[in-house]
Amino acid sequence: MWRPAPRGRQCGSGTKAVRELARRSAGTVSGVNRRPRLTLLGSGATPEEAAAVVAAIEQFLRDTAPPVAPADPAPEAWLRAARLEAVGLDPDAPAW
């Protein structure tokens, strides 16, 4: 949920938290948290009941998550060679 910045504070890309997030996730998706942090707010439930509700929701999310997509097959050798030749690279040269 988006909230406006409190008055007197500047919001922008120069904040320390934004810079840290950008540093950790530069060029990769490993910095993305795919598991939401669930909390039960505004409830008269005991801590044990709240934990049970959150655990049930987490179990539901795991059970109904879409299956992992299969990896794309590697391109055939002739196709790789043709692509490398098209950009002027030697197909037999080492990758690095």
N, C-alpha and C. Protein backbone atom coordinates (compact mmCIF):
# COMPACT_ATOMS: atom_id res chain seq x y z
N MET A 1 0.84 -1.17 0.00
CA MET A 1 0.00 0.00 0.00
C MET A 1 0.89 1.23 0.00
N TRP A 2 0.61 2.17 -0.89
CA TRP A 2 1.41 3.37 -1.00
C TRP A 2 0.90 4.40 -0.02
N ARG A 3 1.83 5.08 0.64
CA ARG A 3 1.50 6.18 1.54
C ARG A 3 2.40 7.34 1.20
N PRO A 4 1.88 8.57 1.27
CA PRO A 4 2.75 9.72 1.00
C PRO A 4 3.79 9.87 2.09
N ALA A 5 4.92 10.45 1.73
CA ALA A 5 5.99 10.67 2.70
C ALA A 5 5.53 11.70 3.72
N PRO A 6 5.94 11.55 4.98
CA PRO A 6 5.58 12.54 6.00
C PRO A 6 6.14 13.91 5.62
N ARG A 7 5.46 14.94 6.06
CA ARG A 7 5.91 16.29 5.74
C ARG A 7 7.27 16.54 6.35
N GLY A 8 8.08 17.26 5.62
CA GLY A 8 9.41 17.59 6.11
C GLY A 8 10.46 16.56 5.71
N ARG A 9 10.05 15.43 5.16
CA ARG A 9 11.00 14.41 4.72
C ARG A 9 10.95 14.31 3.21
N GLN A 10 12.06 14.10 2.61
CA GLN A 10 12.13 13.97 1.17
C GLN A 10 12.01 12.51 0.79
N CYS A 11 11.26 12.23 -0.24
CA CYS A 11 11.12 10.87 -0.75
C CYS A 11 11.73 10.84 -2.14
N GLY A 12 12.56 9.88 -2.42
CA GLY A 12 13.16 9.82 -3.75
C GLY A 12 14.16 8.70 -3.85
N SER A 13 14.84 8.65 -4.98
CA SER A 13 15.77 7.55 -5.24
C SER A 13 17.06 7.68 -4.46
N GLY A 14 17.28 8.79 -3.79
CA GLY A 14 18.51 8.98 -3.05
C GLY A 14 18.45 8.47 -1.63
N THR A 15 17.32 7.89 -1.21
CA THR A 15 17.23 7.42 0.16
C THR A 15 18.12 6.22 0.38
N LYS A 16 18.55 6.05 1.59
CA LYS A 16 19.49 4.98 1.92
C LYS A 16 18.88 3.60 1.64
N ALA A 17 17.61 3.42 1.98
CA ALA A 17 16.97 2.11 1.78
C ALA A 17 16.88 1.76 0.30
N VAL A 18 16.56 2.74 -0.53
CA VAL A 18 16.45 2.48 -1.96
C VAL A 18 17.81 2.13 -2.54
N ARG A 19 18.85 2.86 -2.11
CA ARG A 19 20.20 2.56 -2.60
C ARG A 19 20.63 1.16 -2.18
N GLU A 20 20.33 0.78 -0.95
CA GLU A 20 20.70 -0.56 -0.47
C GLU A 20 19.98 -1.63 -1.26
N LEU A 21 18.68 -1.44 -1.51
CA LEU A 21 17.92 -2.41 -2.28
C LEU A 21 18.48 -2.52 -3.70
N ALA A 22 18.81 -1.41 -4.30
CA ALA A 22 19.37 -1.43 -5.65
C ALA A 22 20.72 -2.14 -5.66
N ARG A 23 21.53 -1.92 -4.62
CA ARG A 23 22.84 -2.58 -4.55
C ARG A 23 22.68 -4.09 -4.44
N ARG A 24 21.75 -4.54 -3.59
CA ARG A 24 21.59 -5.97 -3.38
C ARG A 24 21.00 -6.68 -4.59
N SER A 25 20.14 -6.01 -5.34
CA SER A 25 19.44 -6.68 -6.42
C SER A 25 19.91 -6.23 -7.80
N ALA A 26 21.07 -5.63 -7.91
CA ALA A 26 21.56 -5.13 -9.19
C ALA A 26 21.77 -6.29 -10.16
N GLY A 27 21.02 -6.29 -11.24
CA GLY A 27 21.20 -7.29 -12.29
C GLY A 27 20.72 -8.69 -11.95
N THR A 28 19.95 -8.84 -10.91
CA THR A 28 19.50 -10.17 -10.53
C THR A 28 18.13 -10.10 -9.88
N VAL A 29 17.43 -11.21 -9.86
CA VAL A 29 16.14 -11.25 -9.19
C VAL A 29 16.25 -11.89 -7.82
N SER A 30 17.46 -12.18 -7.38
CA SER A 30 17.62 -12.81 -6.07
C SER A 30 17.22 -11.87 -4.94
N GLY A 31 17.21 -10.57 -5.19
CA GLY A 31 16.82 -9.62 -4.16
C GLY A 31 15.32 -9.54 -3.98
N VAL A 32 14.54 -10.20 -4.83
CA VAL A 32 13.09 -10.15 -4.74
C VAL A 32 12.59 -11.18 -3.74
N ASN A 33 11.77 -10.74 -2.81
CA ASN A 33 11.19 -11.65 -1.83
C ASN A 33 9.87 -12.16 -2.38
N ARG A 34 9.84 -13.42 -2.73
CA ARG A 34 8.63 -14.02 -3.30
C ARG A 34 7.67 -14.50 -2.22
N ARG A 35 8.08 -14.47 -0.96
CA ARG A 35 7.22 -14.92 0.13
C ARG A 35 6.76 -13.70 0.92
N PRO A 36 5.47 -13.39 0.83
CA PRO A 36 4.99 -12.22 1.56
C PRO A 36 5.05 -12.45 3.06
N ARG A 37 5.27 -11.38 3.79
CA ARG A 37 5.27 -11.47 5.25
C ARG A 37 3.86 -11.15 5.72
N LEU A 38 3.21 -12.14 6.27
CA LEU A 38 1.82 -11.98 6.68
C LEU A 38 1.74 -11.64 8.16
N THR A 39 0.86 -10.70 8.48
CA THR A 39 0.57 -10.36 9.87
C THR A 39 -0.92 -10.16 10.00
N LEU A 40 -1.45 -10.47 11.15
CA LEU A 40 -2.86 -10.31 11.44
C LEU A 40 -3.02 -9.04 12.26
N LEU A 41 -3.69 -8.03 11.68
CA LEU A 41 -3.84 -6.74 12.34
C LEU A 41 -5.29 -6.51 12.73
N GLY A 42 -5.49 -5.79 13.81
CA GLY A 42 -6.84 -5.39 14.21
C GLY A 42 -7.72 -6.56 14.61
N SER A 43 -7.16 -7.52 15.27
CA SER A 43 -7.92 -8.70 15.65
C SER A 43 -7.87 -8.88 17.16
N GLY A 44 -8.94 -9.44 17.69
CA GLY A 44 -8.98 -9.73 19.11
C GLY A 44 -8.49 -11.13 19.42
N ALA A 45 -7.83 -11.75 18.44
CA ALA A 45 -7.34 -13.12 18.62
C ALA A 45 -6.10 -13.13 19.51
N THR A 46 -5.94 -14.23 20.20
CA THR A 46 -4.73 -14.42 21.00
C THR A 46 -3.55 -14.63 20.06
N PRO A 47 -2.32 -14.48 20.53
CA PRO A 47 -1.17 -14.72 19.66
C PRO A 47 -1.17 -16.13 19.05
N GLU A 48 -1.63 -17.12 19.80
CA GLU A 48 -1.68 -18.49 19.28
C GLU A 48 -2.70 -18.60 18.15
N GLU A 49 -3.88 -17.96 18.34
CA GLU A 49 -4.90 -18.00 17.30
C GLU A 49 -4.44 -17.25 16.05
N ALA A 50 -3.80 -16.12 16.25
CA ALA A 50 -3.29 -15.34 15.12
C ALA A 50 -2.24 -16.15 14.36
N ALA A 51 -1.36 -16.84 15.08
CA ALA A 51 -0.34 -17.66 14.43
C ALA A 51 -0.99 -18.79 13.64
N ALA A 52 -2.05 -19.38 14.18
CA ALA A 52 -2.74 -20.46 13.48
C ALA A 52 -3.39 -19.94 12.20
N VAL A 53 -4.00 -18.76 12.25
CA VAL A 53 -4.63 -18.19 11.07
C VAL A 53 -3.58 -17.89 10.00
N VAL A 54 -2.48 -17.27 10.40
CA VAL A 54 -1.42 -16.95 9.45
C VAL A 54 -0.83 -18.23 8.86
N ALA A 55 -0.64 -19.26 9.68
CA ALA A 55 -0.11 -20.53 9.18
C ALA A 55 -1.07 -21.16 8.17
N ALA A 56 -2.37 -21.06 8.42
CA ALA A 56 -3.35 -21.61 7.48
C ALA A 56 -3.31 -20.85 6.16
N ILE A 57 -3.16 -19.53 6.21
CA ILE A 57 -3.08 -18.74 4.99
C ILE A 57 -1.80 -19.08 4.22
N GLU A 58 -0.68 -19.21 4.92
CA GLU A 58 0.57 -19.58 4.25
C GLU A 58 0.47 -20.95 3.60
N GLN A 59 -0.18 -21.91 4.27
CA GLN A 59 -0.37 -23.24 3.70
C GLN A 59 -1.24 -23.15 2.44
N PHE A 60 -2.29 -22.33 2.50
CA PHE A 60 -3.16 -22.15 1.33
C PHE A 60 -2.36 -21.57 0.17
N LEU A 61 -1.52 -20.57 0.43
CA LEU A 61 -0.71 -19.97 -0.63
C LEU A 61 0.25 -20.98 -1.24
N ARG A 62 0.84 -21.84 -0.42
CA ARG A 62 1.74 -22.88 -0.95
C ARG A 62 0.96 -23.90 -1.78
N ASP A 63 -0.22 -24.29 -1.30
CA ASP A 63 -1.00 -25.32 -2.00
C ASP A 63 -1.55 -24.82 -3.33
N THR A 64 -1.84 -23.54 -3.44
CA THR A 64 -2.47 -23.01 -4.65
C THR A 64 -1.48 -22.27 -5.55
N ALA A 65 -0.20 -22.32 -5.22
CA ALA A 65 0.81 -21.64 -6.06
C ALA A 65 0.89 -22.33 -7.41
N PRO A 66 1.10 -21.56 -8.48
CA PRO A 66 1.24 -22.18 -9.81
C PRO A 66 2.51 -23.02 -9.87
N PRO A 67 2.49 -24.06 -10.70
CA PRO A 67 3.70 -24.89 -10.81
C PRO A 67 4.84 -24.10 -11.45
N VAL A 68 6.04 -24.53 -11.16
CA VAL A 68 7.23 -23.90 -11.72
C VAL A 68 7.27 -24.20 -13.21
N ALA A 69 7.52 -23.18 -13.99
CA ALA A 69 7.59 -23.36 -15.45
C ALA A 69 8.83 -24.17 -15.80
N PRO A 70 8.72 -25.06 -16.77
CA PRO A 70 9.90 -25.83 -17.17
C PRO A 70 10.92 -24.92 -17.84
N ALA A 71 12.17 -25.29 -17.71
CA ALA A 71 13.25 -24.52 -18.32
C ALA A 71 13.19 -24.64 -19.84
N ASP A 72 13.54 -23.57 -20.51
CA ASP A 72 13.58 -23.60 -21.97
C ASP A 72 14.70 -24.54 -22.41
N PRO A 73 14.45 -25.32 -23.46
CA PRO A 73 15.52 -26.19 -23.94
C PRO A 73 16.64 -25.35 -24.55
N ALA A 74 17.84 -25.87 -24.47
CA ALA A 74 19.00 -25.18 -25.05
C ALA A 74 18.85 -25.16 -26.56
N PRO A 75 19.27 -24.07 -27.21
CA PRO A 75 19.16 -24.04 -28.68
C PRO A 75 20.07 -25.10 -29.30
N GLU A 76 19.66 -25.55 -30.45
CA GLU A 76 20.46 -26.57 -31.14
C GLU A 76 21.81 -25.97 -31.53
N ALA A 77 22.79 -26.84 -31.69
CA ALA A 77 24.16 -26.41 -31.96
C ALA A 77 24.25 -25.62 -33.26
N TRP A 78 23.53 -26.05 -34.29
CA TRP A 78 23.61 -25.33 -35.57
C TRP A 78 23.02 -23.93 -35.45
N LEU A 79 21.96 -23.78 -34.63
CA LEU A 79 21.34 -22.48 -34.45
C LEU A 79 22.28 -21.54 -33.68
N ARG A 80 22.93 -22.07 -32.66
CA ARG A 80 23.90 -21.27 -31.90
C ARG A 80 25.04 -20.82 -32.80
N ALA A 81 25.54 -21.75 -33.62
CA ALA A 81 26.64 -21.41 -34.53
C ALA A 81 26.21 -20.34 -35.53
N ALA A 82 24.99 -20.45 -36.04
CA ALA A 82 24.50 -19.46 -37.00
C ALA A 82 24.36 -18.09 -36.37
N ARG A 83 23.89 -18.04 -35.14
CA ARG A 83 23.75 -16.76 -34.45
C ARG A 83 25.11 -16.13 -34.18
N LEU A 84 26.08 -16.92 -33.74
CA LEU A 84 27.41 -16.39 -33.49
C LEU A 84 28.07 -15.90 -34.78
N GLU A 85 27.88 -16.66 -35.85
CA GLU A 85 28.45 -16.27 -37.13
C GLU A 85 27.79 -14.99 -37.64
N ALA A 86 26.50 -14.81 -37.38
CA ALA A 86 25.78 -13.63 -37.85
C ALA A 86 26.31 -12.35 -37.21
N VAL A 87 26.83 -12.44 -36.00
CA VAL A 87 27.37 -11.25 -35.34
C VAL A 87 28.89 -11.19 -35.40
N GLY A 88 29.48 -12.09 -36.17
CA GLY A 88 30.92 -12.02 -36.40
C GLY A 88 31.77 -12.68 -35.33
N LEU A 89 31.24 -13.62 -34.58
CA LEU A 89 32.01 -14.33 -33.57
C LEU A 89 32.33 -15.73 -34.05
N ASP A 90 33.42 -16.29 -33.54
CA ASP A 90 33.82 -17.65 -33.90
C ASP A 90 33.02 -18.64 -33.06
N PRO A 91 32.26 -19.53 -33.70
CA PRO A 91 31.47 -20.50 -32.95
C PRO A 91 32.32 -21.47 -32.11
N ASP A 92 33.56 -21.69 -32.54
CA ASP A 92 34.42 -22.64 -31.82
C ASP A 92 35.22 -22.00 -30.69
N ALA A 93 35.15 -20.69 -30.55
CA ALA A 93 35.91 -20.00 -29.50
C ALA A 93 35.27 -20.26 -28.13
N PRO A 94 36.08 -20.26 -27.08
CA PRO A 94 35.49 -20.45 -25.75
C PRO A 94 34.55 -19.30 -25.39
N ALA A 95 33.58 -19.59 -24.53
CA ALA A 95 32.55 -18.61 -24.20
C ALA A 95 33.15 -17.38 -23.50
N TRP A 96 34.17 -17.56 -22.70
CA TRP A 96 34.75 -16.43 -21.97
C TRP A 96 36.14 -16.28 -22.42
